[in-house]
């Protein structure tokens, strides 16, 4: 339930959250790709397909998200859908450009899992609190939290487990284990901090 004294975010606050959140997610994903790890959600599926097919993550991430905009439009409102579309486009662009901005001569996979998971979790948290999704599973998770009160982080954790299970055929056991650790970190950050009884950034959209 929305608190009586809770105020709507201002436009500049939403824009700042959009920029910061997507930058965090993009950097975390870049760490994972460099270390050949797997993040969760649609980004994880896109990384998995990149490892198998060699197609760029940015293109796969953008394409895989397209079918989920229908659910977002019908269930979450056009504002949420528009914000999510922009966020997906930014992450696709930023992950395409980040390797040219940041270069890692040495990257320990354990560090990549911990730091990458933390960055992705914090990025998602920033976006979620401003009613901005990141496509795919994130849209489904946010819808289930808004409609049934199921915590978004726990929904994502379960679905991420299925994606990580498929990765058994692609990643080494060590890389897979580190990917699981990173996924747990990212999703627990969201689950512990994005709670309806503490803070609700998902309110009814008056413009639906």
N, C-alpha and C. Protein backbone atom coordinates (compact mmCIF):
# COMPACT_ATOMS: atom_id res chain seq x y z
N UNK A 1 0.84 -1.20 0.00
CA UNK A 1 0.00 0.00 0.00
C UNK A 1 0.87 1.25 0.00
N UNK A 2 0.48 2.23 -0.77
CA UNK A 2 1.26 3.43 -0.87
C UNK A 2 1.10 4.29 0.38
N UNK A 3 2.17 4.79 0.95
CA UNK A 3 2.12 5.63 2.12
C UNK A 3 1.52 6.98 1.76
N UNK A 4 0.79 7.56 2.73
CA UNK A 4 0.07 8.79 2.46
C UNK A 4 1.00 9.95 2.13
N UNK A 5 2.18 9.97 2.78
CA UNK A 5 3.09 11.10 2.58
C UNK A 5 4.12 10.84 1.49
N UNK A 6 3.95 9.74 0.75
CA UNK A 6 4.90 9.43 -0.31
C UNK A 6 4.67 10.34 -1.52
N UNK A 7 5.71 10.91 -2.05
CA UNK A 7 5.61 11.83 -3.18
C UNK A 7 6.06 11.14 -4.46
N UNK A 8 5.53 11.60 -5.56
CA UNK A 8 5.95 11.09 -6.86
C UNK A 8 7.36 11.59 -7.17
N UNK A 9 8.11 10.78 -7.88
CA UNK A 9 9.43 11.23 -8.32
C UNK A 9 9.29 12.33 -9.36
N UNK A 10 10.19 13.29 -9.29
CA UNK A 10 10.22 14.35 -10.28
C UNK A 10 10.86 13.82 -11.57
N UNK A 11 10.61 14.50 -12.68
CA UNK A 11 11.14 14.06 -13.97
C UNK A 11 12.66 13.99 -13.96
N UNK A 12 13.30 15.00 -13.38
CA UNK A 12 14.77 15.01 -13.37
C UNK A 12 15.31 13.86 -12.52
N UNK A 13 14.56 13.47 -11.49
CA UNK A 13 14.98 12.34 -10.66
C UNK A 13 14.88 11.03 -11.45
N UNK A 14 13.81 10.88 -12.23
CA UNK A 14 13.66 9.70 -13.07
C UNK A 14 14.77 9.62 -14.12
N UNK A 15 15.12 10.75 -14.71
CA UNK A 15 16.18 10.78 -15.72
C UNK A 15 17.52 10.42 -15.11
N UNK A 16 17.79 10.95 -13.92
CA UNK A 16 19.05 10.63 -13.24
C UNK A 16 19.11 9.14 -12.91
N UNK A 17 17.99 8.58 -12.43
CA UNK A 17 17.93 7.16 -12.12
C UNK A 17 18.13 6.32 -13.38
N UNK A 18 17.54 6.75 -14.48
CA UNK A 18 17.69 6.04 -15.75
C UNK A 18 19.16 5.98 -16.17
N UNK A 19 19.85 7.10 -16.07
CA UNK A 19 21.26 7.15 -16.48
C UNK A 19 22.15 6.33 -15.55
N UNK A 20 21.98 6.51 -14.24
CA UNK A 20 22.83 5.82 -13.27
C UNK A 20 22.54 4.32 -13.27
N UNK A 21 21.26 3.96 -13.26
CA UNK A 21 20.90 2.55 -13.21
C UNK A 21 21.41 1.76 -14.41
N UNK A 22 21.23 2.32 -15.61
CA UNK A 22 21.69 1.61 -16.81
C UNK A 22 23.21 1.55 -16.88
N UNK A 23 23.90 2.57 -16.39
CA UNK A 23 25.36 2.54 -16.37
C UNK A 23 25.86 1.44 -15.44
N UNK A 24 25.25 1.30 -14.28
CA UNK A 24 25.62 0.25 -13.33
C UNK A 24 25.43 -1.14 -13.96
N UNK A 25 24.24 -1.33 -14.55
CA UNK A 25 23.95 -2.64 -15.15
C UNK A 25 24.90 -2.93 -16.30
N UNK A 26 25.18 -1.94 -17.12
CA UNK A 26 26.06 -2.13 -18.27
C UNK A 26 27.48 -2.48 -17.84
N UNK A 27 27.99 -1.78 -16.83
CA UNK A 27 29.34 -2.07 -16.34
C UNK A 27 29.41 -3.45 -15.72
N UNK A 28 28.39 -3.81 -14.93
CA UNK A 28 28.36 -5.15 -14.34
C UNK A 28 28.31 -6.23 -15.39
N UNK A 29 27.50 -6.02 -16.44
CA UNK A 29 27.40 -6.99 -17.53
C UNK A 29 28.71 -7.09 -18.30
N UNK A 30 29.39 -5.97 -18.47
CA UNK A 30 30.69 -5.99 -19.14
C UNK A 30 31.70 -6.80 -18.35
N UNK A 31 31.69 -6.67 -17.03
CA UNK A 31 32.57 -7.49 -16.18
C UNK A 31 32.28 -8.97 -16.38
N UNK A 32 30.99 -9.30 -16.44
CA UNK A 32 30.61 -10.70 -16.61
C UNK A 32 31.05 -11.24 -17.97
N UNK A 33 30.84 -10.45 -19.02
CA UNK A 33 31.23 -10.90 -20.35
C UNK A 33 32.73 -11.08 -20.46
N UNK A 34 33.50 -10.18 -19.85
CA UNK A 34 34.96 -10.27 -19.89
C UNK A 34 35.46 -11.52 -19.18
N UNK A 35 34.79 -11.89 -18.08
CA UNK A 35 35.21 -13.04 -17.30
C UNK A 35 34.50 -14.33 -17.73
N UNK A 36 33.69 -14.26 -18.78
CA UNK A 36 32.90 -15.40 -19.28
C UNK A 36 32.03 -15.96 -18.17
N UNK A 37 31.27 -15.08 -17.54
CA UNK A 37 30.29 -15.47 -16.53
C UNK A 37 28.91 -15.23 -17.09
N UNK A 38 27.90 -15.58 -16.32
CA UNK A 38 26.52 -15.44 -16.79
C UNK A 38 25.71 -14.69 -15.76
N UNK A 39 25.13 -13.58 -16.18
CA UNK A 39 24.22 -12.83 -15.33
C UNK A 39 22.83 -13.42 -15.48
N UNK A 40 21.88 -12.95 -14.68
CA UNK A 40 20.55 -13.50 -14.75
C UNK A 40 19.66 -12.75 -15.74
N UNK A 41 18.38 -13.10 -15.73
CA UNK A 41 17.34 -12.44 -16.52
C UNK A 41 17.61 -12.57 -18.03
N UNK A 42 16.99 -11.69 -18.82
CA UNK A 42 17.16 -11.72 -20.26
C UNK A 42 18.61 -11.41 -20.62
N UNK A 43 19.26 -10.59 -19.81
CA UNK A 43 20.68 -10.30 -20.05
C UNK A 43 21.50 -11.58 -19.99
N UNK A 44 21.17 -12.46 -19.06
CA UNK A 44 21.87 -13.74 -18.96
C UNK A 44 21.63 -14.61 -20.16
N UNK A 45 20.38 -14.63 -20.62
CA UNK A 45 20.07 -15.41 -21.81
C UNK A 45 20.80 -14.85 -23.02
N UNK A 46 20.89 -13.52 -23.10
CA UNK A 46 21.61 -12.89 -24.21
C UNK A 46 23.10 -13.22 -24.15
N UNK A 47 23.68 -13.21 -22.95
CA UNK A 47 25.08 -13.58 -22.81
C UNK A 47 25.31 -15.04 -23.20
N UNK A 48 24.40 -15.90 -22.78
CA UNK A 48 24.53 -17.32 -23.10
C UNK A 48 24.51 -17.53 -24.61
N UNK A 49 23.59 -16.86 -25.29
CA UNK A 49 23.52 -16.97 -26.75
C UNK A 49 24.74 -16.35 -27.42
N UNK A 50 25.29 -15.31 -26.81
CA UNK A 50 26.51 -14.72 -27.36
C UNK A 50 27.67 -15.71 -27.30
N UNK A 51 27.79 -16.42 -26.19
CA UNK A 51 28.86 -17.40 -26.05
C UNK A 51 28.71 -18.53 -27.06
N UNK A 52 27.46 -18.89 -27.36
CA UNK A 52 27.20 -20.02 -28.25
C UNK A 52 27.29 -19.61 -29.72
N UNK A 53 26.73 -18.45 -30.06
CA UNK A 53 26.62 -18.05 -31.46
C UNK A 53 27.65 -17.01 -31.91
N UNK A 54 28.20 -16.25 -30.96
CA UNK A 54 29.13 -15.19 -31.31
C UNK A 54 28.45 -13.89 -31.68
N UNK A 55 27.12 -13.86 -31.66
CA UNK A 55 26.38 -12.63 -31.93
C UNK A 55 26.56 -11.65 -30.77
N UNK A 56 26.64 -10.36 -31.07
CA UNK A 56 26.86 -9.36 -30.04
C UNK A 56 25.76 -9.33 -29.00
N UNK A 57 26.16 -9.16 -27.74
CA UNK A 57 25.21 -9.11 -26.64
C UNK A 57 24.18 -8.01 -26.85
N UNK A 58 24.64 -6.86 -27.26
CA UNK A 58 23.76 -5.70 -27.38
C UNK A 58 22.59 -5.96 -28.32
N UNK A 59 22.86 -6.66 -29.43
CA UNK A 59 21.81 -6.96 -30.39
C UNK A 59 20.85 -8.02 -29.85
N UNK A 60 21.39 -9.04 -29.22
CA UNK A 60 20.56 -10.10 -28.65
C UNK A 60 19.68 -9.56 -27.52
N UNK A 61 20.26 -8.73 -26.67
CA UNK A 61 19.51 -8.17 -25.54
C UNK A 61 18.34 -7.33 -26.03
N UNK A 62 18.58 -6.51 -27.03
CA UNK A 62 17.51 -5.67 -27.56
C UNK A 62 16.42 -6.52 -28.21
N UNK A 63 16.80 -7.51 -28.99
CA UNK A 63 15.84 -8.34 -29.74
C UNK A 63 15.00 -9.21 -28.81
N UNK A 64 15.64 -9.85 -27.83
CA UNK A 64 14.91 -10.75 -26.93
C UNK A 64 13.87 -10.03 -26.09
N UNK A 65 14.05 -8.75 -25.90
CA UNK A 65 13.12 -7.99 -25.07
C UNK A 65 11.85 -7.58 -25.82
N UNK A 66 11.88 -7.60 -27.12
CA UNK A 66 10.76 -7.07 -27.90
C UNK A 66 9.40 -7.69 -27.54
N UNK A 67 9.26 -9.02 -27.39
CA UNK A 67 7.93 -9.58 -27.11
C UNK A 67 7.35 -9.15 -25.76
N UNK A 68 8.19 -8.78 -24.81
CA UNK A 68 7.71 -8.48 -23.48
C UNK A 68 7.08 -7.09 -23.36
N UNK A 69 7.24 -6.25 -24.37
CA UNK A 69 6.65 -4.93 -24.31
C UNK A 69 5.13 -4.98 -24.38
N UNK A 70 4.59 -6.05 -24.96
CA UNK A 70 3.14 -6.20 -25.03
C UNK A 70 2.58 -6.34 -23.62
N UNK A 71 3.20 -7.23 -22.80
CA UNK A 71 2.77 -7.40 -21.41
C UNK A 71 2.93 -6.10 -20.64
N UNK A 72 4.04 -5.43 -20.85
CA UNK A 72 4.28 -4.18 -20.14
C UNK A 72 3.22 -3.15 -20.48
N UNK A 73 2.87 -3.04 -21.74
CA UNK A 73 1.89 -2.04 -22.19
C UNK A 73 0.51 -2.34 -21.60
N UNK A 74 0.10 -3.61 -21.63
CA UNK A 74 -1.24 -3.98 -21.19
C UNK A 74 -1.38 -3.99 -19.68
N UNK A 75 -0.32 -4.36 -18.96
CA UNK A 75 -0.44 -4.56 -17.52
C UNK A 75 0.18 -3.45 -16.69
N UNK A 76 1.21 -2.79 -17.19
CA UNK A 76 1.96 -1.83 -16.39
C UNK A 76 1.78 -0.38 -16.84
N UNK A 77 1.12 -0.16 -17.98
CA UNK A 77 0.88 1.20 -18.45
C UNK A 77 1.92 1.66 -19.47
N UNK A 78 1.53 2.66 -20.25
CA UNK A 78 2.40 3.10 -21.33
C UNK A 78 3.63 3.84 -20.82
N UNK A 79 3.53 4.52 -19.67
CA UNK A 79 4.70 5.22 -19.14
C UNK A 79 5.79 4.23 -18.76
N UNK A 80 5.40 3.17 -18.05
CA UNK A 80 6.37 2.14 -17.67
C UNK A 80 6.98 1.51 -18.90
N UNK A 81 6.14 1.22 -19.91
CA UNK A 81 6.64 0.60 -21.14
C UNK A 81 7.64 1.50 -21.84
N UNK A 82 7.33 2.79 -21.94
CA UNK A 82 8.23 3.72 -22.61
C UNK A 82 9.56 3.83 -21.86
N UNK A 83 9.48 3.91 -20.53
CA UNK A 83 10.70 4.01 -19.74
C UNK A 83 11.56 2.76 -19.88
N UNK A 84 10.88 1.61 -19.88
CA UNK A 84 11.60 0.35 -20.01
C UNK A 84 12.26 0.24 -21.38
N UNK A 85 11.56 0.65 -22.42
CA UNK A 85 12.12 0.62 -23.77
C UNK A 85 13.39 1.47 -23.84
N UNK A 86 13.34 2.67 -23.26
CA UNK A 86 14.50 3.55 -23.26
C UNK A 86 15.64 2.93 -22.47
N UNK A 87 15.32 2.31 -21.32
CA UNK A 87 16.36 1.69 -20.49
C UNK A 87 17.03 0.54 -21.24
N UNK A 88 16.25 -0.28 -21.93
CA UNK A 88 16.81 -1.40 -22.70
C UNK A 88 17.71 -0.87 -23.82
N UNK A 89 17.26 0.17 -24.49
CA UNK A 89 18.07 0.77 -25.55
C UNK A 89 19.40 1.31 -24.99
N UNK A 90 19.33 1.94 -23.82
CA UNK A 90 20.55 2.49 -23.22
C UNK A 90 21.52 1.39 -22.82
N UNK A 91 21.00 0.32 -22.20
CA UNK A 91 21.88 -0.78 -21.81
C UNK A 91 22.49 -1.44 -23.04
N UNK A 92 21.69 -1.61 -24.09
CA UNK A 92 22.22 -2.19 -25.33
C UNK A 92 23.34 -1.32 -25.89
N UNK A 93 23.12 -0.01 -25.91
CA UNK A 93 24.13 0.91 -26.43
C UNK A 93 25.36 0.96 -25.53
N UNK A 94 25.14 1.04 -24.23
CA UNK A 94 26.26 1.17 -23.30
C UNK A 94 27.12 -0.09 -23.25
N UNK A 95 26.50 -1.26 -23.31
CA UNK A 95 27.29 -2.49 -23.33
C UNK A 95 28.07 -2.63 -24.64
N UNK A 96 27.54 -2.04 -25.70
CA UNK A 96 28.27 -2.03 -26.97
C UNK A 96 29.49 -1.12 -26.89
N UNK A 97 29.37 0.00 -26.17
CA UNK A 97 30.44 1.00 -26.12
C UNK A 97 31.40 0.83 -24.94
N UNK A 98 30.95 0.22 -23.85
CA UNK A 98 31.77 0.14 -22.64
C UNK A 98 33.13 -0.52 -22.85
N UNK A 99 33.23 -1.61 -23.62
CA UNK A 99 34.56 -2.21 -23.84
C UNK A 99 35.55 -1.25 -24.48
N UNK A 100 35.06 -0.24 -25.19
CA UNK A 100 35.95 0.76 -25.76
C UNK A 100 36.29 1.86 -24.78
N UNK A 101 35.52 1.97 -23.70
CA UNK A 101 35.76 2.98 -22.67
C UNK A 101 36.60 2.45 -21.52
N UNK A 102 36.41 1.16 -21.20
CA UNK A 102 37.10 0.54 -20.06
C UNK A 102 37.78 -0.73 -20.53
N UNK A 103 39.06 -0.88 -20.22
CA UNK A 103 39.81 -2.06 -20.62
C UNK A 103 40.41 -2.72 -19.39
N UNK A 104 40.31 -4.04 -19.30
CA UNK A 104 40.82 -4.78 -18.16
C UNK A 104 42.00 -5.63 -18.59
N UNK A 105 43.20 -5.24 -18.13
CA UNK A 105 44.38 -6.06 -18.42
C UNK A 105 44.32 -7.34 -17.60
N UNK A 106 43.80 -7.24 -16.38
CA UNK A 106 43.63 -8.39 -15.49
C UNK A 106 42.28 -8.30 -14.83
N UNK A 107 41.52 -9.37 -14.86
CA UNK A 107 40.22 -9.39 -14.21
C UNK A 107 40.02 -10.76 -13.56
N UNK A 108 40.09 -10.78 -12.24
CA UNK A 108 39.87 -12.01 -11.49
C UNK A 108 38.39 -12.38 -11.57
N UNK A 109 38.08 -13.62 -11.95
CA UNK A 109 36.67 -14.00 -12.11
C UNK A 109 35.86 -13.93 -10.82
N UNK A 110 36.52 -14.17 -9.67
CA UNK A 110 35.81 -14.04 -8.40
C UNK A 110 35.40 -12.59 -8.16
N UNK A 111 36.33 -11.68 -8.42
CA UNK A 111 36.03 -10.26 -8.29
C UNK A 111 34.93 -9.86 -9.28
N UNK A 112 35.02 -10.36 -10.49
CA UNK A 112 34.02 -10.03 -11.51
C UNK A 112 32.63 -10.48 -11.06
N UNK A 113 32.53 -11.66 -10.45
CA UNK A 113 31.24 -12.17 -9.99
C UNK A 113 30.68 -11.31 -8.87
N UNK A 114 31.53 -10.95 -7.90
CA UNK A 114 31.08 -10.18 -6.74
C UNK A 114 30.75 -8.74 -7.13
N UNK A 115 31.69 -8.09 -7.82
CA UNK A 115 31.48 -6.69 -8.20
C UNK A 115 30.39 -6.57 -9.26
N UNK A 116 30.41 -7.48 -10.25
CA UNK A 116 29.39 -7.44 -11.29
C UNK A 116 28.00 -7.67 -10.74
N UNK A 117 27.86 -8.65 -9.85
CA UNK A 117 26.56 -8.91 -9.24
C UNK A 117 26.08 -7.72 -8.42
N UNK A 118 27.00 -7.10 -7.68
CA UNK A 118 26.63 -5.93 -6.90
C UNK A 118 26.20 -4.76 -7.76
N UNK A 119 26.95 -4.51 -8.83
CA UNK A 119 26.61 -3.41 -9.73
C UNK A 119 25.25 -3.63 -10.41
N UNK A 120 25.02 -4.84 -10.87
CA UNK A 120 23.75 -5.15 -11.54
C UNK A 120 22.59 -5.03 -10.56
N UNK A 121 22.77 -5.57 -9.34
CA UNK A 121 21.72 -5.48 -8.33
C UNK A 121 21.38 -4.05 -7.97
N UNK A 122 22.41 -3.22 -7.76
CA UNK A 122 22.18 -1.82 -7.43
C UNK A 122 21.54 -1.07 -8.60
N UNK A 123 21.99 -1.39 -9.82
CA UNK A 123 21.39 -0.76 -10.99
C UNK A 123 19.92 -1.08 -11.12
N UNK A 124 19.58 -2.36 -10.94
CA UNK A 124 18.17 -2.76 -11.01
C UNK A 124 17.36 -2.09 -9.92
N UNK A 125 17.92 -2.00 -8.72
CA UNK A 125 17.21 -1.37 -7.61
C UNK A 125 16.89 0.09 -7.92
N UNK A 126 17.86 0.81 -8.44
CA UNK A 126 17.65 2.21 -8.81
C UNK A 126 16.53 2.33 -9.85
N UNK A 127 16.58 1.46 -10.85
CA UNK A 127 15.57 1.51 -11.91
C UNK A 127 14.19 1.14 -11.39
N UNK A 128 14.11 0.07 -10.60
CA UNK A 128 12.82 -0.39 -10.09
C UNK A 128 12.14 0.68 -9.24
N UNK A 129 12.92 1.39 -8.44
CA UNK A 129 12.33 2.39 -7.55
C UNK A 129 11.80 3.60 -8.31
N UNK A 130 12.14 3.70 -9.56
CA UNK A 130 11.63 4.80 -10.39
C UNK A 130 10.70 4.28 -11.47
N UNK A 131 10.14 3.12 -11.20
CA UNK A 131 9.18 2.51 -12.14
C UNK A 131 9.77 2.36 -13.53
N UNK A 132 10.98 1.84 -13.57
CA UNK A 132 11.67 1.57 -14.83
C UNK A 132 12.10 0.11 -14.80
N UNK A 133 11.66 -0.67 -15.76
CA UNK A 133 12.08 -2.06 -15.85
C UNK A 133 13.27 -2.18 -16.78
N UNK A 134 13.74 -3.40 -16.93
CA UNK A 134 14.84 -3.65 -17.86
C UNK A 134 14.47 -4.78 -18.80
N UNK A 135 13.17 -4.86 -19.07
CA UNK A 135 12.71 -5.81 -20.06
C UNK A 135 12.58 -7.23 -19.56
N UNK A 136 11.98 -8.07 -20.37
CA UNK A 136 11.92 -9.50 -20.15
C UNK A 136 11.44 -9.92 -18.78
N UNK A 137 12.28 -10.68 -18.08
CA UNK A 137 11.93 -11.21 -16.78
C UNK A 137 11.68 -10.10 -15.78
N UNK A 138 12.39 -8.97 -15.92
CA UNK A 138 12.18 -7.86 -15.02
C UNK A 138 10.74 -7.36 -15.11
N UNK A 139 10.19 -7.28 -16.32
CA UNK A 139 8.80 -6.86 -16.49
C UNK A 139 7.86 -7.83 -15.79
N UNK A 140 8.09 -9.12 -15.98
CA UNK A 140 7.26 -10.14 -15.34
C UNK A 140 7.38 -10.06 -13.83
N UNK A 141 8.59 -9.89 -13.32
CA UNK A 141 8.80 -9.82 -11.87
C UNK A 141 8.12 -8.60 -11.26
N UNK A 142 8.25 -7.46 -11.92
CA UNK A 142 7.61 -6.24 -11.42
C UNK A 142 6.09 -6.35 -11.46
N UNK A 143 5.57 -6.97 -12.51
CA UNK A 143 4.12 -7.15 -12.60
C UNK A 143 3.61 -8.04 -11.47
N UNK A 144 4.31 -9.14 -11.20
CA UNK A 144 3.88 -10.05 -10.14
C UNK A 144 3.95 -9.38 -8.77
N UNK A 145 4.96 -8.53 -8.56
CA UNK A 145 5.04 -7.82 -7.27
C UNK A 145 3.89 -6.83 -7.14
N UNK A 146 3.62 -6.09 -8.21
CA UNK A 146 2.55 -5.09 -8.15
C UNK A 146 1.18 -5.72 -8.05
N UNK A 147 0.98 -6.84 -8.74
CA UNK A 147 -0.35 -7.47 -8.80
C UNK A 147 -0.61 -8.40 -7.62
N UNK A 148 0.40 -9.19 -7.20
CA UNK A 148 0.19 -10.20 -6.19
C UNK A 148 1.05 -10.03 -4.94
N UNK A 149 1.94 -9.04 -4.92
CA UNK A 149 2.77 -8.81 -3.74
C UNK A 149 3.95 -9.75 -3.62
N UNK A 150 4.26 -10.50 -4.67
CA UNK A 150 5.41 -11.39 -4.65
C UNK A 150 6.66 -10.58 -4.93
N UNK A 151 7.66 -10.67 -4.07
CA UNK A 151 8.84 -9.84 -4.22
C UNK A 151 9.53 -10.10 -5.55
N UNK A 152 9.84 -9.00 -6.23
CA UNK A 152 10.44 -9.09 -7.56
C UNK A 152 11.77 -9.84 -7.53
N UNK A 153 12.56 -9.62 -6.50
CA UNK A 153 13.87 -10.27 -6.41
C UNK A 153 13.77 -11.78 -6.34
N UNK A 154 12.76 -12.29 -5.62
CA UNK A 154 12.60 -13.73 -5.50
C UNK A 154 12.10 -14.36 -6.80
N UNK A 155 11.22 -13.66 -7.50
CA UNK A 155 10.77 -14.15 -8.81
C UNK A 155 11.95 -14.27 -9.76
N UNK A 156 12.75 -13.21 -9.81
CA UNK A 156 13.91 -13.23 -10.68
C UNK A 156 14.89 -14.33 -10.30
N UNK A 157 15.07 -14.54 -9.00
CA UNK A 157 16.01 -15.56 -8.54
C UNK A 157 15.61 -16.94 -9.05
N UNK A 158 14.30 -17.25 -9.01
CA UNK A 158 13.84 -18.55 -9.49
C UNK A 158 14.02 -18.71 -10.99
N UNK A 159 13.68 -17.67 -11.74
CA UNK A 159 13.82 -17.75 -13.20
C UNK A 159 15.29 -17.74 -13.62
N UNK A 160 16.09 -17.00 -12.87
CA UNK A 160 17.53 -17.00 -13.15
C UNK A 160 18.12 -18.40 -12.96
N UNK A 161 17.56 -19.13 -11.99
CA UNK A 161 18.05 -20.49 -11.76
C UNK A 161 17.86 -21.37 -12.98
N UNK A 162 16.76 -21.18 -13.69
CA UNK A 162 16.52 -21.96 -14.91
C UNK A 162 17.53 -21.61 -16.00
N UNK A 163 17.84 -20.32 -16.14
CA UNK A 163 18.81 -19.89 -17.15
C UNK A 163 20.20 -20.43 -16.80
N UNK A 164 20.55 -20.37 -15.52
CA UNK A 164 21.86 -20.86 -15.09
C UNK A 164 21.97 -22.38 -15.26
N UNK A 165 20.85 -23.07 -15.12
CA UNK A 165 20.85 -24.51 -15.34
C UNK A 165 21.20 -24.82 -16.80
N UNK A 166 20.64 -24.04 -17.73
CA UNK A 166 20.94 -24.23 -19.15
C UNK A 166 22.42 -23.94 -19.43
N UNK A 167 23.03 -23.09 -18.61
CA UNK A 167 24.43 -22.73 -18.82
C UNK A 167 25.39 -23.87 -18.47
N UNK A 168 24.88 -24.92 -17.84
CA UNK A 168 25.73 -26.07 -17.51
C UNK A 168 26.38 -26.67 -18.75
N UNK A 169 25.74 -26.48 -19.90
CA UNK A 169 26.25 -27.06 -21.13
C UNK A 169 27.23 -26.13 -21.84
N UNK A 170 27.44 -24.93 -21.30
CA UNK A 170 28.30 -23.95 -21.96
C UNK A 170 29.48 -23.52 -21.09
N UNK A 171 29.23 -23.26 -19.81
CA UNK A 171 30.27 -22.76 -18.92
C UNK A 171 30.95 -23.89 -18.17
N UNK A 172 32.18 -23.63 -17.72
CA UNK A 172 32.87 -24.59 -16.86
C UNK A 172 32.20 -24.58 -15.49
N UNK A 173 32.36 -25.64 -14.69
CA UNK A 173 31.75 -25.67 -13.36
C UNK A 173 32.15 -24.48 -12.48
N UNK A 174 33.43 -24.06 -12.58
CA UNK A 174 33.87 -22.93 -11.78
C UNK A 174 33.16 -21.64 -12.19
N UNK A 175 33.10 -21.39 -13.50
CA UNK A 175 32.43 -20.19 -13.99
C UNK A 175 30.94 -20.23 -13.67
N UNK A 176 30.34 -21.40 -13.74
CA UNK A 176 28.92 -21.53 -13.43
C UNK A 176 28.66 -21.24 -11.96
N UNK A 177 29.52 -21.76 -11.08
CA UNK A 177 29.36 -21.52 -9.64
C UNK A 177 29.49 -20.03 -9.32
N UNK A 178 30.44 -19.37 -9.95
CA UNK A 178 30.62 -17.94 -9.73
C UNK A 178 29.42 -17.15 -10.28
N UNK A 179 28.86 -17.62 -11.38
CA UNK A 179 27.68 -16.97 -11.94
C UNK A 179 26.50 -17.07 -10.99
N UNK A 180 26.36 -18.22 -10.34
CA UNK A 180 25.29 -18.41 -9.35
C UNK A 180 25.47 -17.44 -8.18
N UNK A 181 26.70 -17.31 -7.71
CA UNK A 181 26.98 -16.38 -6.61
C UNK A 181 26.60 -14.96 -7.01
N UNK A 182 26.99 -14.55 -8.22
CA UNK A 182 26.67 -13.22 -8.69
C UNK A 182 25.17 -12.99 -8.82
N UNK A 183 24.45 -14.00 -9.32
CA UNK A 183 23.00 -13.88 -9.47
C UNK A 183 22.32 -13.75 -8.11
N UNK A 184 22.79 -14.51 -7.13
CA UNK A 184 22.22 -14.42 -5.78
C UNK A 184 22.46 -13.03 -5.20
N UNK A 185 23.66 -12.50 -5.37
CA UNK A 185 23.97 -11.16 -4.87
C UNK A 185 23.06 -10.12 -5.50
N UNK A 186 22.95 -10.16 -6.81
CA UNK A 186 22.12 -9.16 -7.52
C UNK A 186 20.67 -9.23 -7.08
N UNK A 187 20.13 -10.43 -7.01
CA UNK A 187 18.71 -10.57 -6.69
C UNK A 187 18.40 -10.32 -5.22
N UNK A 188 19.32 -10.65 -4.33
CA UNK A 188 19.09 -10.38 -2.91
C UNK A 188 19.15 -8.89 -2.63
N UNK A 189 19.97 -8.15 -3.36
CA UNK A 189 19.98 -6.70 -3.21
C UNK A 189 18.61 -6.13 -3.53
N UNK A 190 18.01 -6.62 -4.62
CA UNK A 190 16.67 -6.15 -5.00
C UNK A 190 15.64 -6.62 -3.98
N UNK A 191 15.69 -7.90 -3.58
CA UNK A 191 14.69 -8.46 -2.68
C UNK A 191 14.71 -7.79 -1.31
N UNK A 192 15.88 -7.46 -0.80
CA UNK A 192 15.98 -6.88 0.54
C UNK A 192 15.67 -5.38 0.56
N UNK A 193 15.82 -4.72 -0.57
CA UNK A 193 15.68 -3.27 -0.57
C UNK A 193 14.47 -2.75 -1.33
N UNK A 194 13.89 -3.55 -2.21
CA UNK A 194 12.72 -3.12 -2.95
C UNK A 194 11.51 -3.84 -2.38
N UNK A 195 11.00 -3.33 -1.25
CA UNK A 195 9.92 -4.00 -0.53
C UNK A 195 8.74 -3.05 -0.38
N UNK A 196 7.55 -3.59 -0.59
CA UNK A 196 6.34 -2.78 -0.51
C UNK A 196 6.10 -2.21 0.88
N UNK A 197 6.57 -2.93 1.95
CA UNK A 197 6.33 -2.45 3.31
C UNK A 197 7.38 -1.43 3.75
N UNK A 198 8.39 -1.18 2.91
CA UNK A 198 9.40 -0.19 3.23
C UNK A 198 9.42 0.97 2.24
N UNK A 199 9.41 0.60 0.97
CA UNK A 199 9.49 1.62 -0.09
C UNK A 199 8.80 1.08 -1.30
N UNK A 200 7.91 1.86 -1.88
CA UNK A 200 7.17 1.40 -3.06
C UNK A 200 7.33 2.39 -4.17
N UNK A 201 8.17 2.04 -5.13
CA UNK A 201 8.35 2.91 -6.28
C UNK A 201 7.37 2.57 -7.38
N UNK A 202 6.62 1.49 -7.21
CA UNK A 202 5.64 1.06 -8.22
C UNK A 202 4.27 1.49 -7.77
N UNK A 203 3.74 2.56 -8.29
CA UNK A 203 2.42 3.04 -7.94
C UNK A 203 1.52 2.95 -9.14
N UNK A 204 0.26 3.07 -8.91
CA UNK A 204 -0.68 3.02 -10.04
C UNK A 204 -0.37 4.15 -11.02
N UNK A 205 -0.37 3.82 -12.26
CA UNK A 205 -0.04 4.80 -13.29
C UNK A 205 -1.31 5.54 -13.69
N UNK A 206 -1.44 6.83 -13.33
CA UNK A 206 -2.67 7.55 -13.63
C UNK A 206 -2.90 7.76 -15.12
N UNK A 207 -1.86 7.58 -15.94
CA UNK A 207 -1.99 7.84 -17.38
C UNK A 207 -2.22 6.57 -18.18
N UNK A 208 -2.50 5.46 -17.49
CA UNK A 208 -2.71 4.20 -18.22
C UNK A 208 -3.94 4.29 -19.08
